[in-house]
Amino acid sequence: MDRWDEMAARAVAGDYMETGRRSHQMRRNDVAPATSVRKTLDPNAKDDSDGGE
């Protein structure tokens, strides 16, 4: 079972808190919360998370 399937199974079982704990462990100190994935892959990418404004 891959990671996404495991997270989905925990969500269906109502164990979303465990998924949150595991996500927190994978958090990186060099990336701010809610950073666009495009921005992490290409630092020069336009961040359109503000709705394009």
N, C-alpha and C. Protein backbone atom coordinates (compact mmCIF):
# COMPACT_ATOMS: atom_id res chain seq x y z
N MET A 1 0.86 -1.18 0.00
CA MET A 1 0.00 0.00 0.00
C MET A 1 0.90 1.24 0.00
N ASP A 2 0.66 2.17 -0.92
CA ASP A 2 1.49 3.37 -0.94
C ASP A 2 0.99 4.40 0.08
N ARG A 3 1.75 5.46 0.26
CA ARG A 3 1.46 6.46 1.29
C ARG A 3 0.07 7.09 1.12
N TRP A 4 -0.31 7.41 -0.12
CA TRP A 4 -1.61 8.05 -0.36
C TRP A 4 -2.76 7.10 -0.01
N ASP A 5 -2.58 5.81 -0.35
CA ASP A 5 -3.60 4.82 0.00
C ASP A 5 -3.73 4.68 1.52
N GLU A 6 -2.59 4.71 2.21
CA GLU A 6 -2.60 4.62 3.68
C GLU A 6 -3.33 5.83 4.28
N MET A 7 -3.03 7.03 3.75
CA MET A 7 -3.69 8.23 4.27
C MET A 7 -5.19 8.18 4.00
N ALA A 8 -5.57 7.70 2.82
CA ALA A 8 -6.99 7.60 2.47
C ALA A 8 -7.69 6.60 3.40
N ALA A 9 -7.04 5.48 3.66
CA ALA A 9 -7.63 4.47 4.55
C ALA A 9 -7.80 5.03 5.95
N ARG A 10 -6.81 5.79 6.44
CA ARG A 10 -6.94 6.40 7.76
C ARG A 10 -8.07 7.43 7.78
N ALA A 11 -8.22 8.19 6.70
CA ALA A 11 -9.29 9.19 6.63
C ALA A 11 -10.66 8.52 6.68
N VAL A 12 -10.83 7.45 5.91
CA VAL A 12 -12.10 6.72 5.89
C VAL A 12 -12.40 6.14 7.26
N ALA A 13 -11.34 5.70 7.95
CA ALA A 13 -11.52 5.12 9.28
C ALA A 13 -11.70 6.20 10.36
N GLY A 14 -11.59 7.48 9.96
CA GLY A 14 -11.75 8.57 10.92
C GLY A 14 -10.47 8.86 11.69
N ASP A 15 -9.34 8.33 11.23
CA ASP A 15 -8.07 8.52 11.92
C ASP A 15 -7.24 9.63 11.26
N TYR A 16 -7.90 10.75 10.97
CA TYR A 16 -7.22 11.85 10.31
C TYR A 16 -6.16 12.50 11.19
N MET A 17 -6.28 12.37 12.51
CA MET A 17 -5.28 12.94 13.40
C MET A 17 -3.92 12.26 13.21
N GLU A 18 -3.92 10.97 12.98
CA GLU A 18 -2.66 10.25 12.73
C GLU A 18 -2.03 10.72 11.43
N THR A 19 -2.84 10.95 10.40
CA THR A 19 -2.31 11.48 9.14
C THR A 19 -1.69 12.85 9.39
N GLY A 20 -2.34 13.67 10.20
CA GLY A 20 -1.80 14.99 10.54
C GLY A 20 -0.48 14.89 11.28
N ARG A 21 -0.38 13.95 12.22
CA ARG A 21 0.88 13.76 12.94
C ARG A 21 2.00 13.35 11.99
N ARG A 22 1.69 12.46 11.07
CA ARG A 22 2.71 12.02 10.11
C ARG A 22 3.09 13.14 9.15
N SER A 23 2.12 13.93 8.73
CA SER A 23 2.42 15.07 7.85
C SER A 23 3.30 16.07 8.57
N HIS A 24 3.02 16.28 9.84
CA HIS A 24 3.82 17.22 10.64
C HIS A 24 5.28 16.75 10.73
N GLN A 25 5.49 15.46 10.83
CA GLN A 25 6.85 14.92 10.90
C GLN A 25 7.61 15.14 9.59
N MET A 26 6.90 15.23 8.48
CA MET A 26 7.55 15.42 7.18
C MET A 26 7.75 16.90 6.85
N ARG A 27 7.28 17.78 7.71
CA ARG A 27 7.39 19.22 7.48
C ARG A 27 8.85 19.63 7.36
N ARG A 28 9.11 20.55 6.46
CA ARG A 28 10.48 21.05 6.25
C ARG A 28 10.62 22.44 6.84
N ASN A 29 11.77 22.70 7.46
CA ASN A 29 12.02 24.01 8.06
C ASN A 29 12.33 25.08 7.02
N ASP A 30 12.78 24.67 5.84
CA ASP A 30 13.17 25.65 4.83
C ASP A 30 12.04 26.03 3.88
N VAL A 31 10.82 25.53 4.13
CA VAL A 31 9.67 25.84 3.28
C VAL A 31 8.54 26.34 4.18
N ALA A 32 8.08 27.54 3.91
CA ALA A 32 7.00 28.12 4.71
C ALA A 32 5.70 27.36 4.49
N PRO A 33 4.84 27.27 5.51
CA PRO A 33 3.53 26.61 5.33
C PRO A 33 2.75 27.27 4.18
N ALA A 34 1.99 26.47 3.46
CA ALA A 34 1.15 26.91 2.34
C ALA A 34 1.96 27.44 1.16
N THR A 35 3.22 27.03 1.04
CA THR A 35 4.03 27.41 -0.12
C THR A 35 3.59 26.57 -1.31
N SER A 36 3.44 27.22 -2.45
CA SER A 36 3.05 26.53 -3.67
C SER A 36 4.08 25.46 -4.02
N VAL A 37 3.62 24.31 -4.46
CA VAL A 37 4.53 23.24 -4.87
C VAL A 37 5.39 23.73 -6.03
N ARG A 38 4.80 24.52 -6.92
CA ARG A 38 5.58 25.07 -8.04
C ARG A 38 6.76 25.87 -7.52
N LYS A 39 6.55 26.60 -6.45
CA LYS A 39 7.61 27.44 -5.88
C LYS A 39 8.74 26.58 -5.32
N THR A 40 8.42 25.42 -4.74
CA THR A 40 9.47 24.56 -4.19
C THR A 40 10.25 23.86 -5.29
N LEU A 41 9.60 23.58 -6.42
CA LEU A 41 10.27 22.92 -7.53
C LEU A 41 11.08 23.91 -8.37
N ASP A 42 10.56 25.13 -8.51
CA ASP A 42 11.23 26.17 -9.29
C ASP A 42 11.12 27.48 -8.53
N PRO A 43 12.20 27.90 -7.83
CA PRO A 43 12.14 29.13 -7.02
C PRO A 43 11.75 30.37 -7.80
N ASN A 44 11.89 30.35 -9.13
CA ASN A 44 11.53 31.51 -9.95
C ASN A 44 10.09 31.45 -10.46
N ALA A 45 9.37 30.40 -10.12
CA ALA A 45 8.00 30.24 -10.60
C ALA A 45 7.10 31.29 -9.98
N LYS A 46 6.10 31.72 -10.75
CA LYS A 46 5.11 32.67 -10.25
C LYS A 46 4.21 31.96 -9.26
N ASP A 47 4.04 32.54 -8.08
CA ASP A 47 3.16 31.97 -7.06
C ASP A 47 1.77 32.52 -7.28
N ASP A 48 0.86 31.69 -7.83
CA ASP A 48 -0.49 32.15 -8.11
C ASP A 48 -1.49 31.72 -7.02
N SER A 49 -0.98 31.46 -5.82
CA SER A 49 -1.85 31.04 -4.73
C SER A 49 -2.74 32.17 -4.23
N ASP A 50 -2.45 33.40 -4.62
CA ASP A 50 -3.28 34.54 -4.19
C ASP A 50 -4.44 34.79 -5.15
N GLY A 51 -4.69 33.88 -6.05
CA GLY A 51 -5.79 34.03 -6.99
C GLY A 51 -5.43 34.83 -8.21
N GLY A 52 -4.13 35.05 -8.43
CA GLY A 52 -3.68 35.76 -9.62
C GLY A 52 -3.65 37.26 -9.46
N GLU A 53 -3.83 37.73 -8.25
CA GLU A 53 -3.81 39.19 -8.04
C GLU A 53 -2.40 39.70 -7.88
